[in-house]
N, C-alpha and C. Protein backbone atom coordinates (compact mmCIF):
# COMPACT_ATOMS: atom_id res chain seq x y z
N MET A 1 17.18 -8.81 -1.53
CA MET A 1 16.87 -8.24 -0.24
C MET A 1 17.99 -7.29 0.14
N PRO A 2 17.66 -6.04 0.53
CA PRO A 2 18.69 -5.11 0.92
C PRO A 2 19.37 -5.54 2.22
N SER A 3 20.71 -5.55 2.23
CA SER A 3 21.43 -6.00 3.41
C SER A 3 21.31 -5.01 4.56
N ALA A 4 20.91 -3.77 4.30
CA ALA A 4 20.77 -2.78 5.36
C ALA A 4 19.65 -3.14 6.33
N ASN A 5 18.68 -3.94 5.89
CA ASN A 5 17.56 -4.33 6.74
C ASN A 5 17.87 -5.51 7.65
N VAL A 6 19.00 -6.19 7.42
CA VAL A 6 19.35 -7.37 8.20
C VAL A 6 19.96 -6.94 9.53
N MET A 7 19.34 -7.36 10.63
CA MET A 7 19.86 -7.06 11.96
C MET A 7 20.97 -8.03 12.33
N HIS A 8 20.73 -9.33 12.07
CA HIS A 8 21.71 -10.38 12.35
C HIS A 8 21.63 -11.40 11.23
N GLN A 9 22.78 -11.95 10.89
CA GLN A 9 22.83 -13.02 9.90
C GLN A 9 23.58 -14.18 10.52
N VAL A 10 22.98 -15.36 10.46
CA VAL A 10 23.56 -16.56 11.05
C VAL A 10 23.77 -17.59 9.95
N GLU A 11 25.01 -17.99 9.77
CA GLU A 11 25.35 -19.00 8.75
C GLU A 11 25.28 -20.40 9.37
N ASP A 12 25.35 -21.41 8.53
CA ASP A 12 25.38 -22.82 8.95
C ASP A 12 24.19 -23.19 9.83
N VAL A 13 23.00 -22.96 9.32
CA VAL A 13 21.77 -23.30 10.02
C VAL A 13 21.05 -24.39 9.23
N THR A 14 20.52 -25.36 9.93
CA THR A 14 19.73 -26.42 9.30
C THR A 14 18.28 -26.19 9.65
N LEU A 15 17.43 -26.18 8.65
CA LEU A 15 16.00 -25.99 8.85
C LEU A 15 15.27 -27.29 8.56
N TRP A 16 14.39 -27.68 9.47
CA TRP A 16 13.53 -28.85 9.26
C TRP A 16 12.10 -28.35 9.18
N ARG A 17 11.39 -28.77 8.14
CA ARG A 17 9.98 -28.42 7.97
C ARG A 17 9.31 -29.53 7.19
N ARG A 18 8.23 -30.07 7.75
CA ARG A 18 7.46 -31.14 7.12
C ARG A 18 8.34 -32.34 6.74
N GLY A 19 9.31 -32.64 7.59
CA GLY A 19 10.19 -33.78 7.37
C GLY A 19 11.28 -33.55 6.35
N VAL A 20 11.42 -32.32 5.86
CA VAL A 20 12.44 -32.01 4.86
C VAL A 20 13.52 -31.17 5.53
N LYS A 21 14.77 -31.54 5.28
CA LYS A 21 15.92 -30.86 5.87
C LYS A 21 16.65 -30.07 4.78
N VAL A 22 16.93 -28.78 5.07
CA VAL A 22 17.72 -27.96 4.15
C VAL A 22 18.74 -27.17 4.96
N GLU A 23 19.90 -26.93 4.34
CA GLU A 23 20.98 -26.16 4.95
C GLU A 23 20.95 -24.75 4.36
N GLY A 24 21.24 -23.76 5.21
CA GLY A 24 21.26 -22.40 4.70
C GLY A 24 21.69 -21.39 5.74
N SER A 25 21.25 -20.15 5.54
CA SER A 25 21.58 -19.08 6.48
C SER A 25 20.30 -18.36 6.89
N LEU A 26 20.31 -17.89 8.13
CA LEU A 26 19.16 -17.22 8.72
C LEU A 26 19.44 -15.73 8.78
N HIS A 27 18.53 -14.93 8.25
CA HIS A 27 18.65 -13.47 8.26
C HIS A 27 17.52 -12.93 9.14
N LEU A 28 17.89 -12.32 10.25
CA LEU A 28 16.92 -11.76 11.18
C LEU A 28 16.77 -10.28 10.87
N MET A 29 15.59 -9.91 10.40
CA MET A 29 15.31 -8.54 10.00
C MET A 29 14.35 -7.92 11.01
N GLN A 30 14.05 -6.65 10.84
CA GLN A 30 13.22 -5.94 11.81
C GLN A 30 11.82 -6.52 11.91
N HIS A 31 11.22 -6.96 10.79
CA HIS A 31 9.84 -7.43 10.81
C HIS A 31 9.67 -8.89 10.38
N HIS A 32 10.74 -9.53 9.89
CA HIS A 32 10.67 -10.90 9.39
C HIS A 32 11.95 -11.64 9.74
N LEU A 33 11.85 -12.96 9.73
CA LEU A 33 13.06 -13.75 9.64
C LEU A 33 13.03 -14.42 8.27
N VAL A 34 14.18 -14.47 7.63
CA VAL A 34 14.27 -15.03 6.28
C VAL A 34 15.33 -16.11 6.28
N PHE A 35 14.96 -17.30 5.81
CA PHE A 35 15.91 -18.40 5.72
C PHE A 35 16.27 -18.58 4.25
N HIS A 36 17.56 -18.42 3.92
CA HIS A 36 18.07 -18.60 2.55
C HIS A 36 18.66 -20.00 2.43
N TYR A 37 18.30 -20.70 1.37
CA TYR A 37 18.82 -22.05 1.16
C TYR A 37 18.83 -22.37 -0.32
N VAL A 38 19.49 -23.45 -0.66
CA VAL A 38 19.52 -23.94 -2.04
C VAL A 38 18.65 -25.18 -2.09
N HIS A 39 17.60 -25.11 -2.89
CA HIS A 39 16.67 -26.23 -3.05
C HIS A 39 17.29 -27.21 -4.04
N PRO A 40 17.41 -28.49 -3.66
CA PRO A 40 18.10 -29.45 -4.54
C PRO A 40 17.35 -29.77 -5.83
N GLY A 41 16.10 -29.41 -5.94
CA GLY A 41 15.32 -29.76 -7.13
C GLY A 41 14.53 -31.02 -6.88
N PRO A 42 13.56 -31.30 -7.74
CA PRO A 42 12.72 -32.49 -7.53
C PRO A 42 13.51 -33.78 -7.69
N SER A 43 13.18 -34.76 -6.84
CA SER A 43 13.90 -36.03 -6.86
C SER A 43 13.59 -36.84 -8.12
N HIS A 44 12.45 -36.58 -8.76
CA HIS A 44 12.09 -37.33 -9.97
C HIS A 44 12.79 -36.78 -11.21
N LYS A 45 13.53 -35.67 -11.05
CA LYS A 45 14.33 -35.11 -12.16
C LYS A 45 15.79 -35.05 -11.71
N PRO A 46 16.53 -36.12 -11.90
CA PRO A 46 17.90 -36.19 -11.38
C PRO A 46 18.85 -35.15 -11.97
N HIS A 47 18.57 -34.62 -13.15
CA HIS A 47 19.49 -33.66 -13.78
C HIS A 47 19.02 -32.22 -13.61
N ALA A 48 18.00 -32.00 -12.80
CA ALA A 48 17.50 -30.64 -12.56
C ALA A 48 18.52 -29.87 -11.73
N SER A 49 18.72 -28.62 -12.08
CA SER A 49 19.71 -27.82 -11.35
C SER A 49 19.09 -27.26 -10.08
N PRO A 50 19.89 -27.14 -9.03
CA PRO A 50 19.37 -26.58 -7.78
C PRO A 50 19.04 -25.10 -7.94
N SER A 51 18.11 -24.62 -7.13
CA SER A 51 17.72 -23.22 -7.22
C SER A 51 17.77 -22.57 -5.84
N LYS A 52 18.10 -21.29 -5.82
CA LYS A 52 18.14 -20.55 -4.56
C LYS A 52 16.71 -20.21 -4.14
N ARG A 53 16.43 -20.41 -2.86
CA ARG A 53 15.08 -20.15 -2.34
C ARG A 53 15.17 -19.36 -1.06
N GLU A 54 14.04 -18.79 -0.67
CA GLU A 54 13.91 -18.08 0.59
C GLU A 54 12.61 -18.50 1.26
N MET A 55 12.65 -18.59 2.58
CA MET A 55 11.43 -18.81 3.36
C MET A 55 11.31 -17.61 4.30
N TRP A 56 10.21 -16.87 4.16
CA TRP A 56 9.97 -15.68 4.97
C TRP A 56 8.95 -16.02 6.04
N ILE A 57 9.23 -15.62 7.27
CA ILE A 57 8.27 -15.76 8.37
C ILE A 57 8.18 -14.41 9.06
N THR A 58 7.00 -13.83 9.05
CA THR A 58 6.80 -12.55 9.72
C THR A 58 6.61 -12.81 11.22
N TYR A 59 7.18 -11.96 12.05
CA TYR A 59 7.16 -12.20 13.49
C TYR A 59 5.76 -12.31 14.09
N PRO A 60 4.77 -11.50 13.66
CA PRO A 60 3.43 -11.67 14.24
C PRO A 60 2.79 -13.04 13.97
N MET A 61 3.31 -13.79 12.99
CA MET A 61 2.78 -15.12 12.71
C MET A 61 3.34 -16.19 13.64
N ILE A 62 4.36 -15.85 14.44
CA ILE A 62 4.94 -16.82 15.36
C ILE A 62 4.09 -16.88 16.62
N ALA A 63 3.53 -18.04 16.89
CA ALA A 63 2.69 -18.23 18.07
C ALA A 63 3.50 -18.72 19.26
N PHE A 64 4.54 -19.51 18.99
CA PHE A 64 5.31 -20.11 20.07
C PHE A 64 6.74 -20.30 19.59
N CYS A 65 7.70 -19.95 20.43
CA CYS A 65 9.12 -20.07 20.09
C CYS A 65 9.83 -20.73 21.27
N THR A 66 10.52 -21.82 21.02
CA THR A 66 11.22 -22.54 22.08
C THR A 66 12.69 -22.66 21.73
N TYR A 67 13.53 -22.29 22.69
CA TYR A 67 14.98 -22.43 22.54
C TYR A 67 15.42 -23.68 23.29
N ARG A 68 16.16 -24.54 22.63
CA ARG A 68 16.68 -25.75 23.26
C ARG A 68 18.21 -25.73 23.16
N PRO A 69 18.87 -25.34 24.25
CA PRO A 69 20.33 -25.31 24.20
C PRO A 69 20.91 -26.71 24.10
N ALA A 70 22.13 -26.78 23.58
CA ALA A 70 22.80 -28.07 23.45
C ALA A 70 23.19 -28.57 24.84
N PRO A 71 22.87 -29.82 25.17
CA PRO A 71 23.31 -30.36 26.46
C PRO A 71 24.84 -30.40 26.51
N PHE A 72 25.41 -30.06 27.65
CA PHE A 72 26.86 -30.01 27.81
C PHE A 72 27.48 -31.38 27.50
N GLY A 73 28.50 -31.37 26.66
CA GLY A 73 29.23 -32.59 26.34
C GLY A 73 28.55 -33.50 25.33
N SER A 74 27.45 -33.06 24.73
CA SER A 74 26.77 -33.92 23.75
C SER A 74 27.04 -33.42 22.33
N ARG A 75 26.66 -34.20 21.38
CA ARG A 75 26.82 -33.81 19.97
C ARG A 75 25.52 -33.25 19.40
N ILE A 76 24.53 -33.09 20.26
CA ILE A 76 23.24 -32.54 19.83
C ILE A 76 23.39 -31.03 19.64
N GLN A 77 22.87 -30.52 18.54
CA GLN A 77 22.96 -29.09 18.26
C GLN A 77 21.87 -28.32 18.99
N SER A 78 22.16 -27.07 19.29
CA SER A 78 21.14 -26.17 19.84
C SER A 78 20.08 -25.95 18.77
N SER A 79 18.85 -25.75 19.22
CA SER A 79 17.78 -25.56 18.24
C SER A 79 16.75 -24.55 18.72
N ILE A 80 16.04 -24.02 17.76
CA ILE A 80 14.89 -23.15 18.00
C ILE A 80 13.72 -23.79 17.26
N ARG A 81 12.62 -23.94 17.96
CA ARG A 81 11.42 -24.50 17.34
C ARG A 81 10.35 -23.43 17.30
N LEU A 82 9.79 -23.23 16.12
CA LEU A 82 8.76 -22.22 15.92
C LEU A 82 7.45 -22.89 15.56
N ARG A 83 6.38 -22.45 16.21
CA ARG A 83 5.04 -22.88 15.83
C ARG A 83 4.31 -21.63 15.38
N GLY A 84 3.79 -21.67 14.16
CA GLY A 84 3.10 -20.52 13.61
C GLY A 84 1.63 -20.49 13.96
N ARG A 85 1.05 -19.31 13.89
CA ARG A 85 -0.39 -19.16 14.12
C ARG A 85 -1.18 -19.90 13.04
N ASP A 86 -0.53 -20.19 11.91
CA ASP A 86 -1.15 -20.94 10.82
C ASP A 86 -0.82 -22.43 10.92
N PHE A 87 -0.33 -22.87 12.08
CA PHE A 87 0.00 -24.27 12.38
C PHE A 87 1.15 -24.81 11.54
N ASN A 88 2.01 -23.93 11.05
CA ASN A 88 3.26 -24.37 10.43
C ASN A 88 4.29 -24.55 11.54
N PHE A 89 5.08 -25.60 11.44
CA PHE A 89 6.12 -25.89 12.42
C PHE A 89 7.47 -25.87 11.73
N VAL A 90 8.44 -25.22 12.35
CA VAL A 90 9.79 -25.11 11.80
C VAL A 90 10.78 -25.36 12.93
N ALA A 91 11.81 -26.14 12.66
CA ALA A 91 12.90 -26.33 13.61
C ALA A 91 14.19 -25.84 12.97
N LEU A 92 14.91 -25.00 13.68
CA LEU A 92 16.19 -24.46 13.21
C LEU A 92 17.28 -25.03 14.11
N HIS A 93 18.28 -25.68 13.52
CA HIS A 93 19.39 -26.26 14.27
C HIS A 93 20.66 -25.48 13.95
N PHE A 94 21.43 -25.13 15.00
CA PHE A 94 22.59 -24.27 14.88
C PHE A 94 23.85 -25.03 15.26
N VAL A 95 24.95 -24.77 14.55
CA VAL A 95 26.24 -25.39 14.86
C VAL A 95 26.78 -24.81 16.17
N ALA A 96 26.65 -23.50 16.36
CA ALA A 96 27.18 -22.84 17.55
C ALA A 96 26.04 -22.41 18.48
N ASP A 97 26.15 -22.76 19.76
CA ASP A 97 25.12 -22.40 20.73
C ASP A 97 24.98 -20.89 20.86
N ALA A 98 26.07 -20.14 20.77
CA ALA A 98 26.01 -18.68 20.90
C ALA A 98 25.16 -18.07 19.78
N LYS A 99 25.24 -18.63 18.58
CA LYS A 99 24.43 -18.13 17.46
C LYS A 99 22.95 -18.47 17.66
N ALA A 100 22.69 -19.64 18.22
CA ALA A 100 21.30 -20.03 18.50
C ALA A 100 20.70 -19.11 19.55
N ARG A 101 21.46 -18.79 20.59
CA ARG A 101 20.96 -17.90 21.64
C ARG A 101 20.72 -16.50 21.09
N LEU A 102 21.64 -16.00 20.25
CA LEU A 102 21.47 -14.69 19.63
C LEU A 102 20.20 -14.65 18.78
N ALA A 103 19.98 -15.70 17.98
CA ALA A 103 18.78 -15.76 17.14
C ALA A 103 17.52 -15.80 18.01
N TYR A 104 17.54 -16.62 19.06
CA TYR A 104 16.38 -16.73 19.94
C TYR A 104 16.08 -15.39 20.63
N GLU A 105 17.08 -14.74 21.16
CA GLU A 105 16.88 -13.46 21.84
C GLU A 105 16.34 -12.41 20.87
N THR A 106 16.84 -12.40 19.66
CA THR A 106 16.36 -11.44 18.65
C THR A 106 14.90 -11.72 18.31
N ILE A 107 14.56 -12.98 18.06
CA ILE A 107 13.17 -13.34 17.74
C ILE A 107 12.26 -12.98 18.91
N ARG A 108 12.68 -13.30 20.12
CA ARG A 108 11.87 -13.01 21.30
C ARG A 108 11.65 -11.50 21.46
N ASN A 109 12.70 -10.72 21.28
CA ASN A 109 12.57 -9.26 21.42
C ASN A 109 11.67 -8.66 20.35
N LEU A 110 11.66 -9.25 19.16
CA LEU A 110 10.85 -8.68 18.07
C LEU A 110 9.44 -9.25 18.02
N THR A 111 9.14 -10.24 18.86
CA THR A 111 7.78 -10.76 18.91
C THR A 111 7.09 -10.44 20.22
N CYS A 112 7.77 -10.65 21.33
CA CYS A 112 7.16 -10.50 22.65
C CYS A 112 7.39 -9.14 23.28
N ARG A 113 8.49 -8.52 22.98
CA ARG A 113 8.86 -7.28 23.65
C ARG A 113 8.89 -6.11 22.68
N LEU A 114 7.91 -6.06 21.85
CA LEU A 114 7.85 -5.01 20.84
C LEU A 114 7.69 -3.63 21.48
N GLY A 115 6.94 -3.55 22.56
CA GLY A 115 6.81 -2.30 23.29
C GLY A 115 5.70 -1.40 22.80
N GLN A 116 5.69 -1.08 21.52
CA GLN A 116 4.68 -0.17 20.98
C GLN A 116 4.09 -0.74 19.70
N LEU A 117 2.81 -0.53 19.56
CA LEU A 117 2.10 -1.03 18.38
C LEU A 117 2.62 -0.40 17.09
N ASP A 118 3.03 0.87 17.16
CA ASP A 118 3.46 1.56 15.93
C ASP A 118 4.83 1.10 15.43
N LYS A 119 5.45 0.11 16.07
CA LYS A 119 6.69 -0.48 15.55
C LYS A 119 6.42 -1.61 14.57
N LEU A 120 5.15 -1.98 14.43
CA LEU A 120 4.79 -3.04 13.49
C LEU A 120 4.98 -2.57 12.05
N LEU A 121 5.14 -3.51 11.14
CA LEU A 121 5.39 -3.22 9.73
C LEU A 121 4.31 -2.35 9.11
N ALA A 122 3.07 -2.55 9.49
CA ALA A 122 1.97 -1.78 8.91
C ALA A 122 2.15 -0.28 9.12
N PHE A 123 2.83 0.12 10.18
CA PHE A 123 3.02 1.54 10.47
C PHE A 123 4.33 2.09 9.94
N THR A 124 5.28 1.22 9.59
CA THR A 124 6.59 1.70 9.15
C THR A 124 6.90 1.42 7.69
N TYR A 125 6.07 0.65 7.02
CA TYR A 125 6.35 0.25 5.64
C TYR A 125 6.37 1.44 4.69
N GLN A 126 7.39 1.52 3.88
CA GLN A 126 7.50 2.54 2.84
C GLN A 126 7.61 1.81 1.50
N PRO A 127 6.66 2.02 0.59
CA PRO A 127 6.72 1.32 -0.70
C PRO A 127 7.93 1.77 -1.52
N PHE A 128 8.39 0.90 -2.39
CA PHE A 128 9.51 1.23 -3.26
C PHE A 128 9.25 0.66 -4.65
N GLY A 129 10.04 1.10 -5.61
CA GLY A 129 9.92 0.62 -6.98
C GLY A 129 8.57 0.94 -7.59
N PRO A 130 8.04 0.04 -8.41
CA PRO A 130 6.76 0.30 -9.08
C PRO A 130 5.59 0.42 -8.11
N GLU A 131 5.74 -0.15 -6.92
CA GLU A 131 4.69 -0.08 -5.91
C GLU A 131 4.44 1.36 -5.44
N LYS A 132 5.48 2.17 -5.51
CA LYS A 132 5.41 3.55 -5.03
C LYS A 132 4.48 4.40 -5.90
N ASP A 133 4.38 4.08 -7.19
CA ASP A 133 3.60 4.89 -8.13
C ASP A 133 2.14 4.48 -8.21
N VAL A 134 1.74 3.42 -7.50
CA VAL A 134 0.37 2.91 -7.59
C VAL A 134 -0.40 3.26 -6.32
N ASP A 135 -1.59 3.78 -6.49
CA ASP A 135 -2.47 4.04 -5.35
C ASP A 135 -3.36 2.82 -5.17
N GLY A 136 -2.98 1.95 -4.24
CA GLY A 136 -3.70 0.70 -4.02
C GLY A 136 -5.14 0.90 -3.57
N TRP A 137 -5.43 2.02 -2.89
CA TRP A 137 -6.79 2.26 -2.42
C TRP A 137 -7.75 2.56 -3.57
N SER A 138 -7.24 2.96 -4.71
CA SER A 138 -8.13 3.25 -5.84
C SER A 138 -8.66 1.97 -6.48
N PHE A 139 -8.01 0.84 -6.26
CA PHE A 139 -8.46 -0.42 -6.83
C PHE A 139 -9.56 -1.07 -6.01
N TYR A 140 -9.66 -0.71 -4.76
CA TYR A 140 -10.57 -1.39 -3.84
C TYR A 140 -11.55 -0.39 -3.25
N ASP A 141 -12.82 -0.65 -3.42
CA ASP A 141 -13.86 0.20 -2.84
C ASP A 141 -14.55 -0.62 -1.75
N PRO A 142 -14.20 -0.37 -0.49
CA PRO A 142 -14.77 -1.20 0.58
C PRO A 142 -16.28 -1.09 0.69
N MET A 143 -16.84 0.08 0.44
CA MET A 143 -18.30 0.24 0.52
C MET A 143 -19.01 -0.66 -0.49
N ARG A 144 -18.51 -0.67 -1.72
CA ARG A 144 -19.10 -1.52 -2.76
C ARG A 144 -18.94 -3.00 -2.39
N GLU A 145 -17.77 -3.36 -1.87
CA GLU A 145 -17.52 -4.75 -1.48
C GLU A 145 -18.42 -5.17 -0.33
N TRP A 146 -18.60 -4.31 0.66
CA TRP A 146 -19.48 -4.64 1.79
C TRP A 146 -20.93 -4.77 1.34
N ARG A 147 -21.36 -3.87 0.45
CA ARG A 147 -22.73 -3.98 -0.07
C ARG A 147 -22.91 -5.30 -0.81
N ARG A 148 -21.90 -5.71 -1.56
CA ARG A 148 -21.96 -6.98 -2.28
C ARG A 148 -22.15 -8.15 -1.31
N MET A 149 -21.56 -8.04 -0.13
CA MET A 149 -21.66 -9.11 0.87
C MET A 149 -22.89 -8.96 1.76
N GLY A 150 -23.66 -7.88 1.58
CA GLY A 150 -24.87 -7.69 2.35
C GLY A 150 -24.68 -6.95 3.65
N VAL A 151 -23.51 -6.37 3.88
CA VAL A 151 -23.26 -5.61 5.10
C VAL A 151 -23.88 -4.22 4.96
N GLY A 152 -24.66 -3.83 5.95
CA GLY A 152 -25.25 -2.50 5.95
C GLY A 152 -26.34 -2.32 4.90
N ALA A 153 -26.93 -3.40 4.45
CA ALA A 153 -27.91 -3.32 3.37
C ALA A 153 -29.33 -3.31 3.91
N GLY A 154 -29.65 -2.36 4.75
CA GLY A 154 -31.03 -2.22 5.19
C GLY A 154 -31.23 -2.49 6.67
N ALA A 155 -32.43 -2.20 7.11
CA ALA A 155 -32.77 -2.36 8.53
C ALA A 155 -32.84 -3.83 8.90
N GLY A 156 -32.55 -4.11 10.14
CA GLY A 156 -32.65 -5.48 10.63
C GLY A 156 -31.40 -6.31 10.40
N LYS A 157 -30.40 -5.74 9.76
CA LYS A 157 -29.16 -6.47 9.53
C LYS A 157 -28.27 -6.36 10.78
N ALA A 158 -27.54 -7.39 11.08
CA ALA A 158 -26.70 -7.40 12.27
C ALA A 158 -25.46 -6.53 12.12
N TRP A 159 -25.01 -6.31 10.89
CA TRP A 159 -23.81 -5.52 10.66
C TRP A 159 -24.17 -4.17 10.08
N ARG A 160 -23.38 -3.17 10.42
CA ARG A 160 -23.57 -1.85 9.82
C ARG A 160 -22.20 -1.22 9.58
N ILE A 161 -22.14 -0.30 8.66
CA ILE A 161 -20.90 0.38 8.31
C ILE A 161 -20.71 1.56 9.25
N SER A 162 -19.47 1.72 9.74
CA SER A 162 -19.14 2.79 10.67
C SER A 162 -18.00 3.63 10.11
N ALA A 163 -17.94 4.89 10.50
CA ALA A 163 -16.85 5.78 10.08
C ALA A 163 -15.86 6.01 11.22
N ILE A 164 -15.90 5.17 12.25
CA ILE A 164 -14.97 5.31 13.38
C ILE A 164 -13.54 5.04 12.91
N ASN A 165 -12.64 5.93 13.27
CA ASN A 165 -11.20 5.83 12.97
C ASN A 165 -10.92 5.64 11.48
N THR A 166 -11.60 6.42 10.65
CA THR A 166 -11.39 6.33 9.20
C THR A 166 -10.02 6.83 8.78
N GLU A 167 -9.35 7.58 9.64
CA GLU A 167 -8.01 8.09 9.33
C GLU A 167 -6.90 7.15 9.82
N TYR A 168 -7.29 6.01 10.45
CA TYR A 168 -6.34 5.01 10.92
C TYR A 168 -5.27 5.61 11.83
N GLU A 169 -5.71 6.42 12.78
CA GLU A 169 -4.78 7.07 13.69
C GLU A 169 -4.42 6.15 14.87
N VAL A 170 -3.19 6.26 15.32
CA VAL A 170 -2.74 5.55 16.50
C VAL A 170 -2.82 6.53 17.65
N LEU A 171 -3.61 6.21 18.65
CA LEU A 171 -3.79 7.10 19.78
C LEU A 171 -2.87 6.64 20.90
N HIS A 172 -2.00 7.53 21.36
CA HIS A 172 -1.09 7.21 22.46
C HIS A 172 -1.71 7.69 23.76
N GLN A 173 -1.70 6.84 24.75
CA GLN A 173 -2.25 7.21 26.06
C GLN A 173 -1.15 7.35 27.08
């Protein structure tokens, strides 16, 4: 992952997901948050070597984000709880409350306060590497696919094919 895309990096973060706890670092990027951690390997293979892993969460998939600051004078860590639109739940626990607040404010600004639709990844993505040389639209013929599914296949059908906004333009008002 190119470090130029990272807006904030937070070390010493604990992630809880599906009852599994892993330690790592949180990288807050323009369109995703990425959690880097070392996976200990399967428990049934005691001599398996650990492997580096990443968990990517795109901001539009976050349905609910809750910041829980550490109560004053307690040993409880500050946390952020994420509920995804796909019903995935993630809890991030931070050693320092200031880092938790920074992460929460960044996530909130990139999910709730986006401001303009054209700031989404779909409008800013630039392909790189081998992806740049491939025309993905040549592999997929939507008209043929829709006909296969019965869309627009004769009178009396509830669905029909339209040419509205075929250029995928963003209209500013």
